Amino acid sequence: MKIQQILQKNGILVDLKASEKSEALTQIAGYLVSLYDLKPAQEIVDKILERESEMSTGIGFGIAIPHARINGIDRLYMVAARIVGGIEFNAIDEQPVFLIFMMISPAGTSADHTRVLSSLSRIMSYEEIRRRLMDADSGEAFLDVVAKGEDKYVQ
C-alpha cells in the first residue's frame, strides 16, 4: 500500500493556523472526519488525542505522524497539514513541528498501518523532501513531492 494511493490533494492543508498541539490535532482530525464523512466523528478525534497523550508522535526534523487504530472504519485514511510557523509538539528532538501526517486505520489491520508509517518515516528522513514540502504552494504540489519521494526512496 502506497502513501500516494491514500493521501489525496484535497486532504492536505498547506496553511493550517494553530498555535499549539491539541488545537492542531483537533483541527486536523476534524478535517479528516469531515472530508471522508467518518463516524463516529468525536470518537475518532478523541482516539487521536488519547494516543498522542500517551506518547508524542513528533518523530523529529519538524515532522509528526499522529495515528490511531479505530473500530468500525473500513480502510486506512490519511490527511496532512503544514504549519508554517511550527508548533511545540514534544517531539523526540525537542524541535517545533511544521509537517503533520495524520493516519487512522481499522483496529485489526496492523500490517498496512505499520508499512505506511515506515514508508512515511523513510521519506521524511530526507531533508530535500522536507524542504520541498515546506515550499509546496498547493495540495497538489505537496502530494507530488510525497509521491516522487515515495517512488525514489521506498521499494
N, C-alpha and C. Protein backbone atom coordinates (compact mmCIF):
# COMPACT_ATOMS: atom_id res chain seq x y z
N MET A 1 0.85 -1.18 0.00
CA MET A 1 0.00 0.00 0.00
C MET A 1 0.89 1.24 0.00
N LYS A 2 0.64 2.13 -0.94
CA LYS A 2 1.46 3.33 -1.09
C LYS A 2 0.76 4.56 -0.49
N ILE A 3 1.56 5.45 0.04
CA ILE A 3 1.05 6.70 0.61
C ILE A 3 0.28 7.48 -0.45
N GLN A 4 0.83 7.53 -1.67
CA GLN A 4 0.20 8.30 -2.74
C GLN A 4 -1.16 7.73 -3.16
N GLN A 5 -1.48 6.51 -2.75
CA GLN A 5 -2.81 5.93 -3.00
C GLN A 5 -3.79 6.31 -1.91
N ILE A 6 -3.27 6.72 -0.76
CA ILE A 6 -4.12 7.03 0.40
C ILE A 6 -4.33 8.53 0.56
N LEU A 7 -3.24 9.29 0.49
CA LEU A 7 -3.29 10.74 0.66
C LEU A 7 -3.79 11.38 -0.62
N GLN A 8 -4.78 12.26 -0.50
CA GLN A 8 -5.35 12.94 -1.65
C GLN A 8 -5.01 14.43 -1.58
N LYS A 9 -4.96 15.08 -2.75
CA LYS A 9 -4.59 16.50 -2.76
C LYS A 9 -5.58 17.35 -1.96
N ASN A 10 -6.86 16.96 -1.93
CA ASN A 10 -7.83 17.72 -1.12
C ASN A 10 -7.76 17.33 0.35
N GLY A 11 -6.88 16.41 0.70
CA GLY A 11 -6.67 16.01 2.08
C GLY A 11 -5.42 16.65 2.67
N ILE A 12 -4.97 17.73 2.06
CA ILE A 12 -3.76 18.41 2.52
C ILE A 12 -4.06 19.87 2.83
N LEU A 13 -3.78 20.26 4.05
CA LEU A 13 -3.97 21.64 4.49
C LEU A 13 -2.59 22.30 4.45
N VAL A 14 -2.34 23.14 3.46
CA VAL A 14 -0.99 23.70 3.30
C VAL A 14 -0.72 24.92 4.18
N ASP A 15 -1.74 25.43 4.85
CA ASP A 15 -1.53 26.60 5.70
C ASP A 15 -2.42 26.53 6.93
N LEU A 16 -2.21 25.50 7.75
CA LEU A 16 -3.01 25.34 8.97
C LEU A 16 -2.62 26.42 9.98
N LYS A 17 -3.63 27.05 10.56
CA LYS A 17 -3.40 28.07 11.58
C LYS A 17 -3.70 27.43 12.94
N ALA A 18 -2.65 27.13 13.68
CA ALA A 18 -2.78 26.57 15.02
C ALA A 18 -1.58 27.04 15.83
N SER A 19 -1.82 27.32 17.10
CA SER A 19 -0.72 27.81 17.92
C SER A 19 -0.21 26.77 18.91
N GLU A 20 -0.95 25.68 19.07
CA GLU A 20 -0.46 24.63 19.96
C GLU A 20 -0.97 23.25 19.51
N LYS A 21 -0.34 22.24 20.06
CA LYS A 21 -0.50 20.85 19.62
C LYS A 21 -1.95 20.37 19.63
N SER A 22 -2.65 20.50 20.75
CA SER A 22 -4.02 19.94 20.82
C SER A 22 -4.96 20.66 19.85
N GLU A 23 -4.74 21.95 19.65
CA GLU A 23 -5.54 22.70 18.68
C GLU A 23 -5.30 22.17 17.27
N ALA A 24 -4.03 21.97 16.93
CA ALA A 24 -3.69 21.44 15.60
C ALA A 24 -4.27 20.05 15.41
N LEU A 25 -4.10 19.18 16.38
CA LEU A 25 -4.60 17.80 16.25
C LEU A 25 -6.12 17.77 16.13
N THR A 26 -6.80 18.60 16.91
CA THR A 26 -8.25 18.65 16.85
C THR A 26 -8.72 19.15 15.48
N GLN A 27 -8.07 20.20 14.96
CA GLN A 27 -8.44 20.72 13.64
C GLN A 27 -8.19 19.69 12.54
N ILE A 28 -7.03 19.04 12.57
CA ILE A 28 -6.69 18.07 11.53
C ILE A 28 -7.61 16.85 11.60
N ALA A 29 -7.84 16.35 12.81
CA ALA A 29 -8.74 15.20 12.97
C ALA A 29 -10.15 15.56 12.53
N GLY A 30 -10.61 16.76 12.86
CA GLY A 30 -11.92 17.21 12.41
C GLY A 30 -12.00 17.28 10.90
N TYR A 31 -10.93 17.72 10.27
CA TYR A 31 -10.88 17.80 8.82
C TYR A 31 -10.94 16.40 8.21
N LEU A 32 -10.18 15.48 8.76
CA LEU A 32 -10.17 14.09 8.28
C LEU A 32 -11.57 13.48 8.36
N VAL A 33 -12.21 13.65 9.51
CA VAL A 33 -13.55 13.11 9.73
C VAL A 33 -14.55 13.72 8.75
N SER A 34 -14.45 15.03 8.55
CA SER A 34 -15.36 15.73 7.64
C SER A 34 -15.12 15.34 6.18
N LEU A 35 -13.86 15.32 5.78
CA LEU A 35 -13.50 15.01 4.40
C LEU A 35 -14.03 13.65 3.96
N TYR A 36 -13.91 12.68 4.84
CA TYR A 36 -14.30 11.30 4.49
C TYR A 36 -15.64 10.89 5.10
N ASP A 37 -16.34 11.83 5.75
CA ASP A 37 -17.63 11.56 6.37
C ASP A 37 -17.58 10.32 7.27
N LEU A 38 -16.60 10.33 8.18
CA LEU A 38 -16.39 9.18 9.07
C LEU A 38 -17.21 9.30 10.33
N LYS A 39 -17.67 8.17 10.81
CA LYS A 39 -18.46 8.09 12.04
C LYS A 39 -17.85 7.03 12.94
N PRO A 40 -17.94 7.14 14.22
CA PRO A 40 -18.38 8.31 14.99
C PRO A 40 -17.27 9.35 15.07
N ALA A 41 -17.56 10.52 14.62
CA ALA A 41 -16.58 11.58 14.47
C ALA A 41 -15.84 11.91 15.77
N GLN A 42 -16.59 12.13 16.83
CA GLN A 42 -15.94 12.54 18.08
C GLN A 42 -15.05 11.44 18.64
N GLU A 43 -15.44 10.20 18.46
CA GLU A 43 -14.62 9.08 18.93
C GLU A 43 -13.27 9.06 18.19
N ILE A 44 -13.29 9.36 16.91
CA ILE A 44 -12.05 9.37 16.13
C ILE A 44 -11.14 10.50 16.61
N VAL A 45 -11.70 11.68 16.80
CA VAL A 45 -10.91 12.81 17.31
C VAL A 45 -10.34 12.46 18.69
N ASP A 46 -11.19 11.89 19.56
CA ASP A 46 -10.75 11.52 20.91
C ASP A 46 -9.63 10.48 20.89
N LYS A 47 -9.70 9.50 19.99
CA LYS A 47 -8.68 8.46 19.89
C LYS A 47 -7.32 9.05 19.49
N ILE A 48 -7.35 9.98 18.55
CA ILE A 48 -6.10 10.64 18.13
C ILE A 48 -5.49 11.39 19.32
N LEU A 49 -6.31 12.16 20.03
CA LEU A 49 -5.81 12.93 21.18
C LEU A 49 -5.34 12.01 22.30
N GLU A 50 -6.06 10.92 22.53
CA GLU A 50 -5.69 9.96 23.56
C GLU A 50 -4.34 9.31 23.23
N ARG A 51 -4.18 8.89 22.00
CA ARG A 51 -2.92 8.26 21.57
C ARG A 51 -1.76 9.23 21.73
N GLU A 52 -1.98 10.47 21.38
CA GLU A 52 -0.93 11.48 21.48
C GLU A 52 -0.57 11.78 22.93
N SER A 53 -1.56 11.70 23.83
CA SER A 53 -1.28 11.98 25.24
C SER A 53 -0.43 10.86 25.87
N GLU A 54 -0.49 9.67 25.29
CA GLU A 54 0.31 8.55 25.79
C GLU A 54 1.78 8.70 25.40
N MET A 55 2.03 9.18 24.17
CA MET A 55 3.39 9.36 23.68
C MET A 55 3.35 10.26 22.45
N SER A 56 4.24 11.23 22.42
CA SER A 56 4.28 12.15 21.28
C SER A 56 4.62 11.40 19.99
N THR A 57 3.96 11.81 18.91
CA THR A 57 4.26 11.24 17.60
C THR A 57 5.18 12.18 16.80
N GLY A 58 5.78 13.13 17.49
CA GLY A 58 6.77 14.01 16.86
C GLY A 58 8.06 13.21 16.67
N ILE A 59 8.37 12.86 15.43
CA ILE A 59 9.49 11.95 15.15
C ILE A 59 10.80 12.68 14.91
N GLY A 60 10.77 14.01 14.97
CA GLY A 60 11.98 14.79 14.74
C GLY A 60 11.97 15.42 13.36
N PHE A 61 12.93 16.31 13.12
CA PHE A 61 13.07 17.01 11.84
C PHE A 61 11.83 17.81 11.45
N GLY A 62 11.03 18.22 12.45
CA GLY A 62 9.85 19.03 12.16
C GLY A 62 8.64 18.23 11.71
N ILE A 63 8.66 16.92 11.93
CA ILE A 63 7.59 16.02 11.45
C ILE A 63 6.87 15.36 12.62
N ALA A 64 5.55 15.23 12.50
CA ALA A 64 4.76 14.43 13.44
C ALA A 64 3.82 13.54 12.62
N ILE A 65 3.61 12.33 13.12
CA ILE A 65 2.72 11.38 12.45
C ILE A 65 1.72 10.83 13.46
N PRO A 66 0.76 11.65 13.89
CA PRO A 66 -0.26 11.14 14.80
C PRO A 66 -1.09 10.07 14.10
N HIS A 67 -1.38 9.01 14.83
CA HIS A 67 -2.10 7.89 14.23
C HIS A 67 -2.87 7.13 15.30
N ALA A 68 -3.89 6.41 14.84
CA ALA A 68 -4.68 5.58 15.76
C ALA A 68 -5.36 4.48 14.97
N ARG A 69 -5.66 3.42 15.66
CA ARG A 69 -6.46 2.34 15.08
C ARG A 69 -7.87 2.50 15.64
N ILE A 70 -8.84 2.44 14.74
CA ILE A 70 -10.23 2.76 15.08
C ILE A 70 -11.15 1.59 14.71
N ASN A 71 -11.98 1.17 15.65
CA ASN A 71 -13.01 0.17 15.34
C ASN A 71 -14.06 0.79 14.44
N GLY A 72 -14.52 0.02 13.45
CA GLY A 72 -15.66 0.44 12.65
C GLY A 72 -15.35 1.23 11.39
N ILE A 73 -14.06 1.52 11.11
CA ILE A 73 -13.77 2.16 9.83
C ILE A 73 -13.34 1.09 8.83
N ASP A 74 -13.50 1.38 7.56
CA ASP A 74 -13.33 0.35 6.53
C ASP A 74 -11.95 0.24 5.91
N ARG A 75 -11.11 1.29 6.08
CA ARG A 75 -9.79 1.27 5.45
C ARG A 75 -8.90 2.30 6.12
N LEU A 76 -7.68 2.40 5.63
CA LEU A 76 -6.74 3.39 6.13
C LEU A 76 -7.04 4.75 5.49
N TYR A 77 -7.01 5.80 6.31
CA TYR A 77 -7.24 7.17 5.85
C TYR A 77 -6.07 8.03 6.31
N MET A 78 -5.72 9.03 5.49
CA MET A 78 -4.63 9.93 5.85
C MET A 78 -4.93 11.35 5.35
N VAL A 79 -4.54 12.32 6.16
CA VAL A 79 -4.53 13.72 5.75
C VAL A 79 -3.19 14.30 6.21
N ALA A 80 -2.84 15.45 5.67
CA ALA A 80 -1.59 16.10 6.04
C ALA A 80 -1.83 17.58 6.24
N ALA A 81 -0.97 18.19 7.04
CA ALA A 81 -1.08 19.63 7.27
C ALA A 81 0.31 20.22 7.43
N ARG A 82 0.43 21.46 7.00
CA ARG A 82 1.67 22.21 7.19
C ARG A 82 1.34 23.44 8.03
N ILE A 83 2.14 23.64 9.07
CA ILE A 83 2.01 24.81 9.94
C ILE A 83 3.28 25.62 9.72
N VAL A 84 3.17 26.69 8.96
CA VAL A 84 4.34 27.43 8.51
C VAL A 84 5.23 27.90 9.67
N GLY A 85 4.64 28.38 10.75
CA GLY A 85 5.43 28.86 11.88
C GLY A 85 5.89 27.78 12.82
N GLY A 86 5.36 26.57 12.66
CA GLY A 86 5.71 25.47 13.55
C GLY A 86 5.04 25.60 14.91
N ILE A 87 4.92 24.46 15.60
CA ILE A 87 4.36 24.44 16.94
C ILE A 87 5.15 23.49 17.82
N GLU A 88 5.13 23.75 19.12
CA GLU A 88 5.74 22.85 20.10
C GLU A 88 4.93 21.56 20.09
N PHE A 89 5.61 20.42 20.01
CA PHE A 89 4.91 19.14 19.87
C PHE A 89 5.47 18.07 20.79
N ASN A 90 6.43 18.45 21.64
CA ASN A 90 7.11 17.47 22.49
C ASN A 90 7.76 16.38 21.63
N ALA A 91 8.34 16.81 20.51
CA ALA A 91 8.97 15.88 19.58
C ALA A 91 10.24 15.30 20.18
N ILE A 92 10.66 14.18 19.63
CA ILE A 92 11.82 13.46 20.14
C ILE A 92 13.09 14.32 20.12
N ASP A 93 13.21 15.22 19.15
CA ASP A 93 14.39 16.10 19.07
C ASP A 93 14.15 17.47 19.72
N GLU A 94 13.00 17.62 20.37
CA GLU A 94 12.62 18.84 21.08
C GLU A 94 12.53 20.07 20.18
N GLN A 95 12.35 19.86 18.88
CA GLN A 95 12.22 20.96 17.92
C GLN A 95 10.75 21.12 17.53
N PRO A 96 10.36 22.30 17.04
CA PRO A 96 8.97 22.51 16.61
C PRO A 96 8.60 21.60 15.45
N VAL A 97 7.31 21.36 15.31
CA VAL A 97 6.77 20.55 14.21
C VAL A 97 6.12 21.47 13.19
N PHE A 98 6.43 21.23 11.92
CA PHE A 98 5.89 22.00 10.81
C PHE A 98 4.98 21.17 9.90
N LEU A 99 5.25 19.86 9.82
CA LEU A 99 4.52 18.97 8.94
C LEU A 99 3.89 17.85 9.75
N ILE A 100 2.57 17.70 9.58
CA ILE A 100 1.83 16.68 10.32
C ILE A 100 1.09 15.79 9.33
N PHE A 101 1.34 14.50 9.45
CA PHE A 101 0.64 13.49 8.66
C PHE A 101 -0.21 12.69 9.63
N MET A 102 -1.53 12.77 9.52
CA MET A 102 -2.43 12.07 10.43
C MET A 102 -3.02 10.86 9.71
N MET A 103 -3.00 9.73 10.42
CA MET A 103 -3.44 8.49 9.82
C MET A 103 -4.31 7.71 10.81
N ILE A 104 -5.41 7.18 10.29
CA ILE A 104 -6.21 6.24 11.07
C ILE A 104 -6.43 4.99 10.23
N SER A 105 -6.54 3.87 10.90
CA SER A 105 -6.76 2.62 10.19
C SER A 105 -7.67 1.72 11.02
N PRO A 106 -8.28 0.72 10.38
CA PRO A 106 -9.13 -0.21 11.13
C PRO A 106 -8.33 -0.89 12.24
N ALA A 107 -9.01 -1.18 13.33
CA ALA A 107 -8.35 -1.75 14.51
C ALA A 107 -7.58 -3.03 14.21
N GLY A 108 -8.02 -3.84 13.26
CA GLY A 108 -7.38 -5.12 13.03
C GLY A 108 -6.38 -5.18 11.90
N THR A 109 -5.90 -4.03 11.39
CA THR A 109 -5.02 -4.05 10.22
C THR A 109 -3.65 -3.48 10.54
N SER A 110 -2.87 -4.21 11.28
CA SER A 110 -1.57 -3.67 11.68
C SER A 110 -0.54 -3.68 10.56
N ALA A 111 -0.61 -4.60 9.61
CA ALA A 111 0.41 -4.68 8.55
C ALA A 111 0.42 -3.42 7.68
N ASP A 112 -0.73 -3.03 7.14
CA ASP A 112 -0.79 -1.82 6.31
C ASP A 112 -0.44 -0.58 7.12
N HIS A 113 -0.95 -0.49 8.32
CA HIS A 113 -0.70 0.63 9.22
C HIS A 113 0.81 0.80 9.42
N THR A 114 1.47 -0.29 9.77
CA THR A 114 2.90 -0.26 10.04
C THR A 114 3.70 0.04 8.77
N ARG A 115 3.30 -0.52 7.65
CA ARG A 115 4.00 -0.31 6.38
C ARG A 115 3.95 1.16 5.97
N VAL A 116 2.78 1.77 6.09
CA VAL A 116 2.63 3.19 5.72
C VAL A 116 3.43 4.08 6.67
N LEU A 117 3.39 3.80 7.97
CA LEU A 117 4.19 4.57 8.93
C LEU A 117 5.67 4.47 8.60
N SER A 118 6.13 3.28 8.26
CA SER A 118 7.53 3.06 7.93
C SER A 118 7.91 3.83 6.65
N SER A 119 7.08 3.74 5.64
CA SER A 119 7.36 4.45 4.38
C SER A 119 7.41 5.95 4.59
N LEU A 120 6.46 6.46 5.33
CA LEU A 120 6.40 7.90 5.60
C LEU A 120 7.64 8.36 6.38
N SER A 121 8.03 7.59 7.38
CA SER A 121 9.22 7.92 8.16
C SER A 121 10.46 7.93 7.28
N ARG A 122 10.56 6.98 6.38
CA ARG A 122 11.72 6.91 5.48
C ARG A 122 11.77 8.13 4.57
N ILE A 123 10.65 8.46 3.93
CA ILE A 123 10.61 9.60 3.01
C ILE A 123 10.96 10.90 3.75
N MET A 124 10.41 11.07 4.94
CA MET A 124 10.61 12.31 5.69
C MET A 124 12.01 12.43 6.27
N SER A 125 12.80 11.37 6.21
CA SER A 125 14.17 11.45 6.71
C SER A 125 15.07 12.24 5.76
N TYR A 126 14.60 12.52 4.56
CA TYR A 126 15.39 13.26 3.58
C TYR A 126 15.09 14.75 3.64
N GLU A 127 16.14 15.53 3.90
CA GLU A 127 15.99 16.98 4.05
C GLU A 127 15.40 17.62 2.79
N GLU A 128 15.78 17.14 1.61
CA GLU A 128 15.27 17.71 0.36
C GLU A 128 13.74 17.56 0.28
N ILE A 129 13.22 16.46 0.76
CA ILE A 129 11.76 16.23 0.74
C ILE A 129 11.08 17.19 1.71
N ARG A 130 11.60 17.29 2.92
CA ARG A 130 11.01 18.21 3.91
C ARG A 130 11.03 19.64 3.39
N ARG A 131 12.14 20.06 2.81
CA ARG A 131 12.25 21.43 2.29
C ARG A 131 11.23 21.66 1.17
N ARG A 132 11.11 20.71 0.25
CA ARG A 132 10.17 20.85 -0.86
C ARG A 132 8.72 20.86 -0.36
N LEU A 133 8.43 20.11 0.69
CA LEU A 133 7.08 20.14 1.26
C LEU A 133 6.78 21.50 1.88
N MET A 134 7.78 22.09 2.50
CA MET A 134 7.59 23.42 3.10
C MET A 134 7.39 24.48 2.02
N ASP A 135 7.92 24.25 0.83
CA ASP A 135 7.80 25.20 -0.28
C ASP A 135 6.56 24.97 -1.14
N ALA A 136 5.91 23.82 -1.01
CA ALA A 136 4.75 23.50 -1.85
C ALA A 136 3.65 24.53 -1.64
N ASP A 137 3.09 25.03 -2.75
CA ASP A 137 2.09 26.09 -2.64
C ASP A 137 0.65 25.60 -2.78
N SER A 138 0.46 24.29 -2.91
CA SER A 138 -0.89 23.74 -3.02
C SER A 138 -0.89 22.29 -2.57
N GLY A 139 -2.08 21.75 -2.34
CA GLY A 139 -2.20 20.34 -2.00
C GLY A 139 -1.65 19.45 -3.09
N GLU A 140 -1.88 19.86 -4.33
CA GLU A 140 -1.41 19.09 -5.48
C GLU A 140 0.13 19.05 -5.52
N ALA A 141 0.77 20.19 -5.30
CA ALA A 141 2.23 20.26 -5.29
C ALA A 141 2.80 19.45 -4.12
N PHE A 142 2.15 19.53 -2.97
CA PHE A 142 2.57 18.80 -1.77
C PHE A 142 2.51 17.30 -2.05
N LEU A 143 1.39 16.84 -2.61
CA LEU A 143 1.22 15.43 -2.92
C LEU A 143 2.24 14.96 -3.95
N ASP A 144 2.56 15.82 -4.91
CA ASP A 144 3.56 15.48 -5.92
C ASP A 144 4.93 15.23 -5.28
N VAL A 145 5.29 16.03 -4.30
CA VAL A 145 6.56 15.84 -3.59
C VAL A 145 6.55 14.50 -2.86
N VAL A 146 5.45 14.21 -2.17
CA VAL A 146 5.33 12.93 -1.44
C VAL A 146 5.44 11.76 -2.42
N ALA A 147 4.71 11.82 -3.52
CA ALA A 147 4.71 10.72 -4.50
C ALA A 147 6.10 10.51 -5.10
N LYS A 148 6.77 11.59 -5.48
CA LYS A 148 8.11 11.45 -6.05
C LYS A 148 9.11 10.92 -5.03
N GLY A 149 8.97 11.37 -3.79
CA GLY A 149 9.83 10.85 -2.72
C GLY A 149 9.59 9.38 -2.46
N GLU A 150 8.33 8.99 -2.48
CA GLU A 150 7.99 7.59 -2.27
C GLU A 150 8.52 6.73 -3.42
N ASP A 151 8.37 7.19 -4.64
CA ASP A 151 8.88 6.45 -5.80
C ASP A 151 10.40 6.31 -5.74
N LYS A 152 11.07 7.32 -5.25
CA LYS A 152 12.53 7.32 -5.22
C LYS A 152 13.12 6.54 -4.04
N TYR A 153 12.51 6.67 -2.85
CA TYR A 153 13.13 6.16 -1.64
C TYR A 153 12.49 4.92 -1.01
N VAL A 154 11.32 4.53 -1.47
CA VAL A 154 10.64 3.38 -0.88
C VAL A 154 10.51 2.28 -1.92
N GLN A 155 11.02 1.12 -1.61
CA GLN A 155 10.94 0.00 -2.56
C GLN A 155 9.68 -0.80 -2.37
